[in-house]
PDB file of N, CA and C in Angstrom:
ATOM      1  N   MET A   1      -8.197  14.786 -12.090  1.00  0.00           N
ATOM      2  CA  MET A   1      -7.364  13.575 -11.858  1.00  0.00           C
ATOM      3  C   MET A   1      -7.715  12.059 -11.253  1.00  0.00           C
ATOM      4  N   GLY A   2      -8.641  12.443 -12.330  1.00  0.00           N
ATOM      5  CA  GLY A   2      -9.362  10.740 -12.754  1.00  0.00           C
ATOM      6  C   GLY A   2     -10.190  11.076 -11.172  1.00  0.00           C
ATOM      7  N   GLU A   3     -11.271  10.106 -11.242  1.00  0.00           N
ATOM      8  CA  GLU A   3     -12.131   9.039 -10.371  1.00  0.00           C
ATOM      9  C   GLU A   3     -11.811   8.062  -9.276  1.00  0.00           C
ATOM     10  N   TYR A   4     -11.912   8.309  -8.243  1.00  0.00           N
ATOM     11  CA  TYR A   4     -10.782   7.703  -7.359  1.00  0.00           C
ATOM     12  C   TYR A   4     -11.782   7.157  -6.535  1.00  0.00           C
ATOM     13  N   ASN A   5     -12.060   6.279  -5.406  1.00  0.00           N
ATOM     14  CA  ASN A   5     -12.968   5.926  -4.235  1.00  0.00           C
ATOM     15  C   ASN A   5     -11.671   6.250  -3.233  1.00  0.00           C
ATOM     16  N   PRO A   6     -13.039   7.022  -2.437  1.00  0.00           N
ATOM     17  CA  PRO A   6     -11.651   7.488  -1.367  1.00  0.00           C
ATOM     18  C   PRO A   6     -11.759   7.485  -0.007  1.00  0.00           C
ATOM     19  N   THR A   7     -13.018   6.617   0.024  1.00  0.00           N
ATOM     20  CA  THR A   7     -13.057   5.559   1.570  1.00  0.00           C
ATOM     21  C   THR A   7     -12.232   3.825   1.542  1.00  0.00           C
ATOM     22  N   ARG A   8     -11.796   3.121  -0.014  1.00  0.00           N
ATOM     23  CA  ARG A   8     -11.307   2.040  -0.594  1.00  0.00           C
ATOM     24  C   ARG A   8      -9.090   3.282  -0.325  1.00  0.00           C
ATOM     25  N   LEU A   9      -9.286   4.627  -1.118  1.00  0.00           N
ATOM     26  CA  LEU A   9      -7.720   4.734  -0.809  1.00  0.00           C
ATOM     27  C   LEU A   9      -7.468   5.020   0.393  1.00  0.00           C
ATOM     28  N   ASP A  10      -8.617   5.801   1.505  1.00  0.00           N
ATOM     29  CA  ASP A  10      -7.755   5.893   2.438  1.00  0.00           C
ATOM     30  C   ASP A  10      -7.300   4.536   3.319  1.00  0.00           C
ATOM     31  N   GLY A  11      -8.877   3.653   3.008  1.00  0.00           N
ATOM     32  CA  GLY A  11      -8.374   2.096   3.774  1.00  0.00           C
ATOM     33  C   GLY A  11      -6.837   1.555   3.411  1.00  0.00           C
ATOM     34  N   VAL A  12      -6.482   2.056   1.951  1.00  0.00           N
ATOM     35  CA  VAL A  12      -5.270   0.961   1.393  1.00  0.00           C
ATOM     36  C   VAL A  12      -4.281   1.119   1.914  1.00  0.00           C
ATOM     37  N   PHE A  13      -4.414   3.119   2.541  1.00  0.00           N
ATOM     38  CA  PHE A  13      -2.714   4.211   2.719  1.00  0.00           C
ATOM     39  C   PHE A  13      -3.305   4.049   4.151  1.00  0.00           C
ATOM     40  N   ASN A  14      -4.002   3.576   4.830  1.00  0.00           N
ATOM     41  CA  ASN A  14      -4.055   3.170   6.396  1.00  0.00           C
ATOM     42  C   ASN A  14      -3.463   2.274   6.589  1.00  0.00           C
ATOM     43  N   ALA A  15      -4.063   1.526   5.730  1.00  0.00           N
ATOM     44  CA  ALA A  15      -3.193  -0.054   5.757  1.00  0.00           C
ATOM     45  C   ALA A  15      -2.041  -0.456   5.517  1.00  0.00           C
ATOM     46  N   LEU A  16      -1.713   0.253   4.787  1.00  0.00           N
ATOM     47  CA  LEU A  16      -0.235   0.117   3.909  1.00  0.00           C
ATOM     48  C   LEU A  16       0.813   0.683   5.408  1.00  0.00           C
ATOM     49  N   GLY A  17       0.210   1.950   6.242  1.00  0.00           N
ATOM     50  CA  GLY A  17       0.911   2.997   6.511  1.00  0.00           C
ATOM     51  C   GLY A  17       1.602   2.640   8.614  1.00  0.00           C
ATOM     52  N   ASP A  18       1.042   0.764   8.627  1.00  0.00           N
ATOM     53  CA  ASP A  18       1.901   0.309   9.334  1.00  0.00           C
ATOM     54  C   ASP A  18       2.926  -0.844   9.067  1.00  0.00           C
ATOM     55  N   PRO A  19       4.218  -0.830  10.022  1.00  0.00           N
ATOM     56  CA  PRO A  19       5.196  -1.880   9.389  1.00  0.00           C
ATOM     57  C   PRO A  19       4.322  -3.262   9.368  1.00  0.00           C
ATOM     58  N   THR A  20       3.921  -3.209  10.242  1.00  0.00           N
ATOM     59  CA  THR A  20       3.653  -5.164  10.675  1.00  0.00           C
ATOM     60  C   THR A  20       3.007  -5.028   9.583  1.00  0.00           C
ATOM     61  N   ARG A  21       2.160  -4.389   8.886  1.00  0.00           N
ATOM     62  CA  ARG A  21       1.298  -5.156   8.099  1.00  0.00           C
ATOM     63  C   ARG A  21       2.112  -4.965   6.530  1.00  0.00           C
ATOM     64  N   ARG A  22       2.718  -3.673   6.022  1.00  0.00           N
ATOM     65  CA  ARG A  22       3.263  -4.346   5.093  1.00  0.00           C
ATOM     66  C   ARG A  22       3.951  -5.179   5.308  1.00  0.00           C
ATOM     67  N   ALA A  23       4.548  -6.235   6.594  1.00  0.00           N
ATOM     68  CA  ALA A  23       5.500  -7.183   6.681  1.00  0.00           C
ATOM     69  C   ALA A  23       4.538  -8.359   6.427  1.00  0.00           C
ATOM     70  N   ILE A  24       3.318  -8.361   6.703  1.00  0.00           N
ATOM     71  CA  ILE A  24       2.731  -8.856   6.562  1.00  0.00           C
ATOM     72  C   ILE A  24       2.599  -9.684   4.912  1.00  0.00           C
ATOM     73  N   LEU A  25       1.906  -8.286   4.196  1.00  0.00           N
ATOM     74  CA  LEU A  25       1.620  -8.303   2.915  1.00  0.00           C
ATOM     75  C   LEU A  25       3.030  -8.502   2.248  1.00  0.00           C
ATOM     76  N   ALA A  26       4.358  -8.357   2.613  1.00  0.00           N
ATOM     77  CA  ALA A  26       5.482  -8.961   2.758  1.00  0.00           C
ATOM     78  C   ALA A  26       5.378 -10.310   2.053  1.00  0.00           C
ATOM     79  N   ARG A  27       5.436 -11.057   3.303  1.00  0.00           N
ATOM     80  CA  ARG A  27       5.338 -12.342   3.317  1.00  0.00           C
ATOM     81  C   ARG A  27       4.232 -13.041   2.828  1.00  0.00           C
ATOM     82  N   LEU A  28       2.827 -12.556   2.949  1.00  0.00           N
ATOM     83  CA  LEU A  28       1.853 -13.226   1.595  1.00  0.00           C
ATOM     84  C   LEU A  28       2.733 -12.987  -0.013  1.00  0.00           C
ATOM     85  N   CYS A  29       3.517 -12.158  -0.526  1.00  0.00           N
ATOM     86  CA  CYS A  29       3.838 -11.602  -2.160  1.00  0.00           C
ATOM     87  C   CYS A  29       3.801 -13.027  -2.361  1.00  0.00           C
ATOM     88  N   GLY A  30       4.862 -13.581  -2.210  1.00  0.00           N
ATOM     89  CA  GLY A  30       5.356 -14.983  -2.156  1.00  0.00           C
ATOM     90  C   GLY A  30       4.117 -16.481  -2.230  1.00  0.00           C
ATOM     91  N   ARG A  31       3.397 -16.602  -1.492  1.00  0.00           N
ATOM     92  CA  ARG A  31       2.597 -17.180  -1.121  1.00  0.00           C
ATOM     93  C   ARG A  31       2.061 -17.036   0.155  1.00  0.00           C
ATOM     94  N   GLN A  32       0.445 -18.012  -0.056  1.00  0.00           N
ATOM     95  CA  GLN A  32      -0.497 -17.834   1.010  1.00  0.00           C
ATOM     96  C   GLN A  32       0.388 -18.023   2.321  1.00  0.00           C
ATOM     97  N   ALA A  33      -0.377 -18.174   3.338  1.00  0.00           N
ATOM     98  CA  ALA A  33      -0.276 -18.963   4.805  1.00  0.00           C
ATOM     99  C   ALA A  33      -1.229 -18.929   5.948  1.00  0.00           C
ATOM    100  N   ARG A  34      -1.489 -20.098   6.659  1.00  0.00           N
ATOM    101  CA  ARG A  34      -1.969 -20.160   7.495  1.00  0.00           C
ATOM    102  C   ARG A  34      -2.216 -18.580   8.610  1.00  0.00           C
ATOM    103  N   VAL A  35      -3.060 -18.507   9.100  1.00  0.00           N
ATOM    104  CA  VAL A  35      -3.282 -17.284   9.881  1.00  0.00           C
ATOM    105  C   VAL A  35      -2.385 -17.377  11.251  1.00  0.00           C
ATOM    106  N   THR A  36      -1.764 -18.906  11.662  1.00  0.00           N
ATOM    107  CA  THR A  36      -0.745 -18.996  12.475  1.00  0.00           C
ATOM    108  C   THR A  36       0.696 -18.944  12.532  1.00  0.00           C
ATOM    109  N   GLU A  37       0.638 -18.653  11.365  1.00  0.00           N
ATOM    110  CA  GLU A  37       2.154 -19.728  10.857  1.00  0.00           C
ATOM    111  C   GLU A  37       2.925 -17.743  10.711  1.00  0.00           C
ATOM    112  N   ILE A  38       1.987 -16.659  10.177  1.00  0.00           N
ATOM    113  CA  ILE A  38       1.927 -15.439   9.778  1.00  0.00           C
ATOM    114  C   ILE A  38       2.250 -15.033  11.227  1.00  0.00           C
ATOM    115  N   ALA A  39       1.587 -15.114  12.007  1.00  0.00           N
ATOM    116  CA  ALA A  39       1.539 -15.284  13.609  1.00  0.00           C
ATOM    117  C   ALA A  39       3.021 -15.648  14.426  1.00  0.00           C
ATOM    118  N   GLY A  40       3.226 -16.489  14.068  1.00  0.00           N
ATOM    119  CA  GLY A  40       5.039 -17.199  14.277  1.00  0.00           C
ATOM    120  C   GLY A  40       5.857 -16.123  13.950  1.00  0.00           C
ATOM    121  N   GLU A  41       5.900 -15.514  13.319  1.00  0.00           N
ATOM    122  CA  GLU A  41       6.917 -14.328  12.318  1.00  0.00           C
ATOM    123  C   GLU A  41       6.927 -13.129  13.627  1.00  0.00           C
ATOM    124  N   PHE A  42       6.020 -12.929  14.665  1.00  0.00           N
ATOM    125  CA  PHE A  42       6.463 -10.945  14.926  1.00  0.00           C
ATOM    126  C   PHE A  42       6.081 -11.711  16.454  1.00  0.00           C
ATOM    127  N   PRO A  43       7.009 -10.589  17.095  1.00  0.00           N
ATOM    128  CA  PRO A  43       7.030 -10.614  18.445  1.00  0.00           C
ATOM    129  C   PRO A  43       5.419  -9.945  18.717  1.00  0.00           C
ATOM    130  N   ILE A  44       4.491 -10.485  18.607  1.00  0.00           N
ATOM    131  CA  ILE A  44       3.067  -9.634  18.891  1.00  0.00           C
ATOM    132  C   ILE A  44       2.300 -10.713  19.552  1.00  0.00           C
ATOM    133  N   SER A  45       1.277 -10.830  20.410  1.00  0.00           N
ATOM    134  CA  SER A  45       0.535 -11.685  20.382  1.00  0.00           C
ATOM    135  C   SER A  45      -0.567 -12.286  19.364  1.00  0.00           C
ATOM    136  N   LEU A  46      -1.233 -13.306  18.920  1.00  0.00           N
ATOM    137  CA  LEU A  46      -1.687 -13.885  18.060  1.00  0.00           C
ATOM    138  C   LEU A  46      -3.367 -12.900  18.264  1.00  0.00           C
ATOM    139  N   ASN A  47      -3.570 -12.197  19.207  1.00  0.00           N
ATOM    140  CA  ASN A  47      -4.538 -11.056  18.941  1.00  0.00           C
ATOM    141  C   ASN A  47      -4.431 -10.473  18.520  1.00  0.00           C
ATOM    142  N   SER A  48      -2.854 -10.012  18.430  1.00  0.00           N
ATOM    143  CA  SER A  48      -2.972  -8.227  17.626  1.00  0.00           C
ATOM    144  C   SER A  48      -2.430  -8.899  16.197  1.00  0.00           C
ATOM    145  N   VAL A  49      -2.115  -9.525  15.442  1.00  0.00           N
ATOM    146  CA  VAL A  49      -1.394  -9.959  14.289  1.00  0.00           C
ATOM    147  C   VAL A  49      -2.717 -10.410  13.891  1.00  0.00           C
ATOM    148  N   SER A  50      -3.647 -10.304  14.296  1.00  0.00           N
ATOM    149  CA  SER A  50      -5.415 -10.750  13.922  1.00  0.00           C
ATOM    150  C   SER A  50      -6.113  -9.239  13.334  1.00  0.00           C
ATOM    151  N   LYS A  51      -5.896  -8.924  14.741  1.00  0.00           N
ATOM    152  CA  LYS A  51      -6.311  -7.259  14.488  1.00  0.00           C
ATOM    153  C   LYS A  51      -5.359  -6.534  13.321  1.00  0.00           C
ATOM    154  N   HIS A  52      -3.916  -6.959  12.886  1.00  0.00           N
ATOM    155  CA  HIS A  52      -3.886  -6.026  11.741  1.00  0.00           C
ATOM    156  C   HIS A  52      -4.247  -6.809  10.571  1.00  0.00           C
ATOM    157  N   ILE A  53      -4.416  -8.479  10.169  1.00  0.00           N
ATOM    158  CA  ILE A  53      -4.886  -9.073   9.214  1.00  0.00           C
ATOM    159  C   ILE A  53      -6.234  -8.677   9.070  1.00  0.00           C
ATOM    160  N   ARG A  54      -7.110  -7.979  10.124  1.00  0.00           N
ATOM    161  CA  ARG A  54      -8.656  -7.822  10.200  1.00  0.00           C
ATOM    162  C   ARG A  54      -7.941  -5.888   8.475  1.00  0.00           C
ATOM    163  N   MET A  55      -7.654  -5.240   9.454  1.00  0.00           N
ATOM    164  CA  MET A  55      -7.180  -4.334   8.771  1.00  0.00           C
ATOM    165  C   MET A  55      -6.989  -3.786   7.365  1.00  0.00           C
ATOM    166  N   LEU A  56      -6.337  -5.170   6.637  1.00  0.00           N
ATOM    167  CA  LEU A  56      -5.379  -5.794   5.579  1.00  0.00           C
ATOM    168  C   LEU A  56      -6.831  -6.038   4.539  1.00  0.00           C
ATOM    169  N   GLU A  57      -7.666  -7.137   5.442  1.00  0.00           N
ATOM    170  CA  GLU A  57      -8.449  -7.676   5.342  1.00  0.00           C
ATOM    171  C   GLU A  57      -9.710  -6.379   4.414  1.00  0.00           C
ATOM    172  N   ARG A  58     -10.038  -5.333   5.438  1.00  0.00           N
ATOM    173  CA  ARG A  58     -11.091  -4.686   5.370  1.00  0.00           C
ATOM    174  C   ARG A  58     -10.208  -3.306   4.171  1.00  0.00           C
ATOM    175  N   ALA A  59      -8.973  -3.298   4.259  1.00  0.00           N
ATOM    176  CA  ALA A  59      -8.098  -2.276   2.935  1.00  0.00           C
ATOM    177  C   ALA A  59      -8.389  -3.594   1.528  1.00  0.00           C
ATOM    178  N   GLY A  60      -9.316  -4.953   1.695  1.00  0.00           N
ATOM    179  CA  GLY A  60      -8.853  -5.579   0.106  1.00  0.00           C
ATOM    180  C   GLY A  60      -7.802  -6.330   0.279  1.00  0.00           C
ATOM    181  N   LEU A  61      -6.471  -6.165   1.231  1.00  0.00           N
ATOM    182  CA  LEU A  61      -5.370  -6.765   0.480  1.00  0.00           C
ATOM    183  C   LEU A  61      -5.270  -7.947   0.476  1.00  0.00           C
ATOM    184  N   VAL A  62      -5.866  -8.362   1.450  1.00  0.00           N
ATOM    185  CA  VAL A  62      -6.411  -9.614   2.452  1.00  0.00           C
ATOM    186  C   VAL A  62      -7.212 -10.327   1.577  1.00  0.00           C
ATOM    187  N   HIS A  63      -7.262 -11.721   1.526  1.00  0.00           N
ATOM    188  CA  HIS A  63      -8.310 -12.559   1.415  1.00  0.00           C
ATOM    189  C   HIS A  63      -7.852 -13.568   2.265  1.00  0.00           C
ATOM    190  N   ARG A  64      -9.147 -13.986   2.571  1.00  0.00           N
ATOM    191  CA  ARG A  64      -9.078 -15.446   3.646  1.00  0.00           C
ATOM    192  C   ARG A  64      -9.741 -16.754   3.140  1.00  0.00           C
ATOM    193  N   SER A  65      -9.717 -17.317   3.106  1.00  0.00           N
ATOM    194  CA  SER A  65     -10.440 -18.888   2.514  1.00  0.00           C
ATOM    195  C   SER A  65     -10.395 -20.031   3.985  1.00  0.00           C
ATOM    196  N   ILE A  66     -11.118 -19.818   4.383  1.00  0.00           N
ATOM    197  CA  ILE A  66     -11.611 -20.990   5.852  1.00  0.00           C
ATOM    198  C   ILE A  66     -11.762 -22.324   5.070  1.00  0.00           C
ATOM    199  N   GLN A  67     -10.306 -23.004   5.430  1.00  0.00           N
ATOM    200  CA  GLN A  67     -10.760 -24.851   5.171  1.00  0.00           C
ATOM    201  C   GLN A  67     -10.452 -25.770   6.486  1.00  0.00           C
ATOM    202  N   GLY A  68     -11.748 -25.826   6.926  1.00  0.00           N
ATOM    203  CA  GLY A  68     -12.157 -26.410   8.347  1.00  0.00           C
ATOM    204  C   GLY A  68     -11.597 -25.514  10.116  1.00  0.00           C
ATOM    205  N   ARG A  69     -10.518 -25.717  10.394  1.00  0.00           N
ATOM    206  CA  ARG A  69     -10.294 -25.040  11.148  1.00  0.00           C
ATOM    207  C   ARG A  69      -9.343 -23.827  10.623  1.00  0.00           C
ATOM    208  N   GLU A  70      -8.610 -24.101   9.855  1.00  0.00           N
ATOM    209  CA  GLU A  70      -7.590 -23.029   9.306  1.00  0.00           C
ATOM    210  C   GLU A  70      -7.859 -22.050   8.715  1.00  0.00           C
ATOM    211  N   HIS A  71      -7.564 -20.658   8.858  1.00  0.00           N
ATOM    212  CA  HIS A  71      -7.398 -19.763   8.221  1.00  0.00           C
ATOM    213  C   HIS A  71      -5.906 -19.634   7.065  1.00  0.00           C
ATOM    214  N   HIS A  72      -6.742 -19.773   5.503  1.00  0.00           N
ATOM    215  CA  HIS A  72      -5.493 -19.331   4.944  1.00  0.00           C
ATOM    216  C   HIS A  72      -5.805 -17.597   4.139  1.00  0.00           C
ATOM    217  N   LEU A  73      -4.680 -17.412   3.970  1.00  0.00           N
ATOM    218  CA  LEU A  73      -4.548 -15.719   3.459  1.00  0.00           C
ATOM    219  C   LEU A  73      -3.232 -15.897   2.699  1.00  0.00           C
ATOM    220  N   SER A  74      -4.572 -15.048   1.273  1.00  0.00           N
ATOM    221  CA  SER A  74      -3.293 -14.490   0.654  1.00  0.00           C
ATOM    222  C   SER A  74      -3.449 -13.191  -0.054  1.00  0.00           C
ATOM    223  N   LEU A  75      -2.110 -12.911  -0.621  1.00  0.00           N
ATOM    224  CA  LEU A  75      -2.260 -11.088  -1.176  1.00  0.00           C
ATOM    225  C   LEU A  75      -3.391 -11.100  -2.700  1.00  0.00           C
ATOM    226  N   ASN A  76      -4.645  -9.771  -2.003  1.00  0.00           N
ATOM    227  CA  ASN A  76      -4.353  -9.209  -3.050  1.00  0.00           C
ATOM    228  C   ASN A  76      -3.976  -7.572  -3.256  1.00  0.00           C
ATOM    229  N   ALA A  77      -3.663  -7.921  -4.282  1.00  0.00           N
ATOM    230  CA  ALA A  77      -2.554  -6.404  -4.933  1.00  0.00           C
ATOM    231  C   ALA A  77      -3.285  -5.447  -5.005  1.00  0.00           C
ATOM    232  N   ALA A  78      -4.603  -5.820  -6.076  1.00  0.00           N
ATOM    233  CA  ALA A  78      -5.705  -5.525  -6.652  1.00  0.00           C
ATOM    234  C   ALA A  78      -5.399  -3.779  -5.548  1.00  0.00           C
ATOM    235  N   PRO A  79      -6.108  -3.999  -4.870  1.00  0.00           N
ATOM    236  CA  PRO A  79      -6.231  -1.933  -4.123  1.00  0.00           C
ATOM    237  C   PRO A  79      -5.201  -1.258  -3.821  1.00  0.00           C
ATOM    238  N   MET A  80      -3.881  -2.286  -4.349  1.00  0.00           N
ATOM    239  CA  MET A  80      -2.788  -1.261  -4.650  1.00  0.00           C
ATOM    240  C   MET A  80      -2.024  -0.050  -5.735  1.00  0.00           C
ATOM    241  N   ALA A  81      -3.027  -0.820  -6.849  1.00  0.00           N
ATOM    242  CA  ALA A  81      -2.658  -0.955  -7.947  1.00  0.00           C
ATOM    243  C   ALA A  81      -3.933   0.785  -7.789  1.00  0.00           C
ATOM    244  N   GLU A  82      -5.313   0.589  -7.406  1.00  0.00           N
ATOM    245  CA  GLU A  82      -5.383   1.993  -7.677  1.00  0.00           C
ATOM    246  C   GLU A  82      -4.859   2.961  -6.960  1.00  0.00           C
ATOM    247  N   ALA A  83      -3.927   3.049  -6.112  1.00  0.00           N
ATOM    248  CA  ALA A  83      -3.128   3.518  -4.525  1.00  0.00           C
ATOM    249  C   ALA A  83      -2.320   4.126  -6.063  1.00  0.00           C
ATOM    250  N   GLN A  84      -1.508   3.040  -6.080  1.00  0.00           N
ATOM    251  CA  GLN A  84      -0.687   3.048  -7.231  1.00  0.00           C
ATOM    252  C   GLN A  84      -0.807   4.598  -8.645  1.00  0.00           C
ATOM    253  N   ALA A  85      -2.193   4.249  -8.488  1.00  0.00           N
ATOM    254  CA  ALA A  85      -2.762   5.042  -9.934  1.00  0.00           C
ATOM    255  C   ALA A  85      -2.532   6.569  -9.272  1.00  0.00           C
ATOM    256  N   TRP A  86      -2.944   6.504  -8.111  1.00  0.00           N
ATOM    257  CA  TRP A  86      -3.268   7.862  -7.423  1.00  0.00           C
ATOM    258  C   TRP A  86      -2.544   8.755  -7.088  1.00  0.00           C
ATOM    259  N   ILE A  87      -1.084   8.071  -6.656  1.00  0.00           N
ATOM    260  CA  ILE A  87       0.460   8.893  -6.590  1.00  0.00           C
ATOM    261  C   ILE A  87       0.827   8.854  -7.521  1.00  0.00           C
ATOM    262  N   GLU A  88       0.701   7.996  -9.234  1.00  0.00           N
ATOM    263  CA  GLU A  88       1.240   7.957 -10.247  1.00  0.00           C
ATOM    264  C   GLU A  88       0.780   9.704 -10.622  1.00  0.00           C
ATOM    265  N   LYS A  89      -0.614  10.209 -10.667  1.00  0.00           N
ATOM    266  CA  LYS A  89      -1.100  11.481 -11.133  1.00  0.00           C
ATOM    267  C   LYS A  89      -0.547  12.340 -10.018  1.00  0.00           C
ATOM    268  N   TYR A  90      -0.101  12.944  -9.251  1.00  0.00           N
ATOM    269  CA  TYR A  90       0.709  13.487  -8.280  1.00  0.00           C
ATOM    270  C   TYR A  90       2.049  13.369  -8.702  1.00  0.00           C
ATOM    271  N   ARG A  91       3.123  12.225  -9.223  1.00  0.00           N
ATOM    272  CA  ARG A  91       4.104  12.571  -9.425  1.00  0.00           C
ATOM    273  C   ARG A  91       4.240  13.347 -11.146  1.00  0.00           C
ATOM    274  N   SER A  92       3.838  13.318 -11.821  1.00  0.00           N
ATOM    275  CA  SER A  92       3.606  13.596 -13.345  1.00  0.00           C
ATOM    276  C   SER A  92       3.589  15.073 -13.051  1.00  0.00           C
ATOM    277  N   PHE A  93       2.174  15.182 -11.722  1.00  0.00           N
ATOM    278  CA  PHE A  93       2.275  17.116 -11.584  1.00  0.00           C
ATOM    279  C   PHE A  93       3.527  17.587 -11.022  1.00  0.00           C
ATOM    280  N   TRP A  94       4.207  16.978 -10.271  1.00  0.00           N
ATOM    281  CA  TRP A  94       5.318  17.554  -9.144  1.00  0.00           C
ATOM    282  C   TRP A  94       6.563  17.190 -10.144  1.00  0.00           C
ATOM    283  N   GLU A  95       6.565  16.259 -11.035  1.00  0.00           N
ATOM    284  CA  GLU A  95       7.612  16.102 -12.494  1.00  0.00           C
ATOM    285  C   GLU A  95       7.472  17.664 -13.888  1.00  0.00           C
ATOM    286  N   ASP A  96       6.307  17.713 -14.073  1.00  0.00           N
ATOM    287  CA  ASP A  96       6.283  18.788 -14.662  1.00  0.00           C
ATOM    288  C   ASP A  96       6.342  20.050 -13.625  1.00  0.00           C
ATOM    289  N   SER A  97       6.045  20.246 -12.768  1.00  0.00           N
ATOM    290  CA  SER A  97       6.046  21.530 -12.574  1.00  0.00           C
ATOM    291  C   SER A  97       7.796  22.075 -12.130  1.00  0.00           C
ATOM    292  N   LEU A  98       8.714  20.476 -11.825  1.00  0.00           N
ATOM    293  CA  LEU A  98      10.553  21.557 -11.693  1.00  0.00           C
ATOM    294  C   LEU A  98      10.729  21.445 -13.028  1.00  0.00           C
ATOM    295  N   ALA A  99      10.095  20.497 -13.721  1.00  0.00           N
ATOM    296  CA  ALA A  99      10.281  21.258 -15.395  1.00  0.00           C
ATOM    297  C   ALA A  99      10.518  22.181 -15.949  1.00  0.00           C
ATOM    298  N   LYS A 100       9.273  22.686 -14.607  1.00  0.00           N
ATOM    299  CA  LYS A 100       8.971  24.198 -15.657  1.00  0.00           C
ATOM    300  C   LYS A 100       9.843  25.257 -14.751  1.00  0.00           C
ATOM    301  N   LEU A 101      10.124  24.480 -13.250  1.00  0.00           N
ATOM    302  CA  LEU A 101      11.025  25.133 -12.301  1.00  0.00           C
ATOM    303  C   LEU A 101      12.359  25.521 -12.985  1.00  0.00           C
ATOM    304  N   GLU A 102      12.896  24.649 -14.052  1.00  0.00           N
ATOM    305  CA  GLU A 102      14.353  24.623 -14.272  1.00  0.00           C
ATOM    306  C   GLU A 102      14.866  25.458 -15.599  1.00  0.00           C
ATOM    307  N   ILE A 103      13.431  25.764 -16.032  1.00  0.00           N
ATOM    308  CA  ILE A 103      13.401  26.309 -17.572  1.00  0.00           C
ATOM    309  C   ILE A 103      13.515  27.709 -16.525  1.00  0.00           C
ATOM    310  N   TYR A 104      12.295  28.107 -16.113  1.00  0.00           N
ATOM    311  CA  TYR A 104      12.401  29.329 -15.213  1.00  0.00           C
ATOM    312  C   TYR A 104      14.085  29.773 -14.620  1.00  0.00           C
ATOM    313  N   VAL A 105      14.626  28.749 -13.824  1.00  0.00           N
ATOM    314  CA  VAL A 105      15.911  28.903 -13.208  1.00  0.00           C
ATOM    315  C   VAL A 105      16.811  28.923 -14.237  1.00  0.00           C
ATOM    316  N   THR A 106      16.834  28.597 -15.192  1.00  0.00           N
ATOM    317  CA  THR A 106      17.923  28.200 -16.475  1.00  0.00           C
ATOM    318  C   THR A 106      17.705  29.948 -16.967  1.00  0.00           C
ATOM    319  N   SER A 107      16.552  30.148 -17.660  1.00  0.00           N
ATOM    320  CA  SER A 107      16.216  31.461 -18.670  1.00  0.00           C
ATOM    321  C   SER A 107      16.993  33.041 -17.251  1.00  0.00           C
ATOM    322  N   ARG A 108      16.486  32.838 -16.524  1.00  0.00           N
ATOM    323  CA  ARG A 108      17.202  33.795 -15.436  1.00  0.00           C
ATOM    324  C   ARG A 108      18.292  33.804 -15.604  1.00  0.00           C
ATOM    325  N   LYS A 109      19.435  32.937 -14.978  1.00  0.00           N
ATOM    326  CA  LYS A 109      20.453  33.134 -14.917  1.00  0.00           C
ATOM    327  C   LYS A 109      21.063  32.987 -16.922  1.00  0.00           C
ATOM    328  N   GLY A 110      20.322  33.026 -17.232  1.00  0.00           N
ATOM    329  CA  GLY A 110      20.733  33.440 -18.779  1.00  0.00           C
ATOM    330  C   GLY A 110      20.727  35.413 -18.981  1.00  0.00           C
ATOM    331  N   LYS A 111      19.738  35.874 -18.140  1.00  0.00           N
ATOM    332  CA  LYS A 111      19.611  37.242 -18.386  1.00  0.00           C
ATOM    333  C   LYS A 111      20.554  38.185 -17.241  1.00  0.00           C
ATOM    334  N   ARG A 112      20.864  37.065 -16.070  1.00  0.00           N
ATOM    335  CA  ARG A 112      22.157  37.918 -15.275  1.00  0.00           C
ATOM    336  C   ARG A 112      23.660  38.397 -15.965  1.00  0.00           C
ATOM    337  N   LYS A 113      24.089  37.615 -16.934  1.00  0.00           N
ATOM    338  CA  LYS A 113      25.085  37.406 -17.399  1.00  0.00           C
ATOM    339  C   LYS A 113      25.272  38.559 -18.591  1.00  0.00           C
TER     340      LYS A 113
END
């Protein structure tokens, strides 16, 4: 089923598993933002938002650039592409399995008549 880096996939799925981190990524989807801008959009402390951002950085989903005292964040969607490819393999598997099940059930109905 293809070669994937399990550590990288684990990091991406772990990062995407939290609604606050998904909201941060959604916010960064449109444009880069300062950490303080992002933090101001959530009802949690700056320290908590920073922890979420660090997890997104470890997963490779967010890139930080520092300009003086300002930390700018931007989205890096590339790691999600590998996760999407991994999921796609399983989607194909289930579609094939369900198609075979449908053929089997349909053939069994024809034998009952």
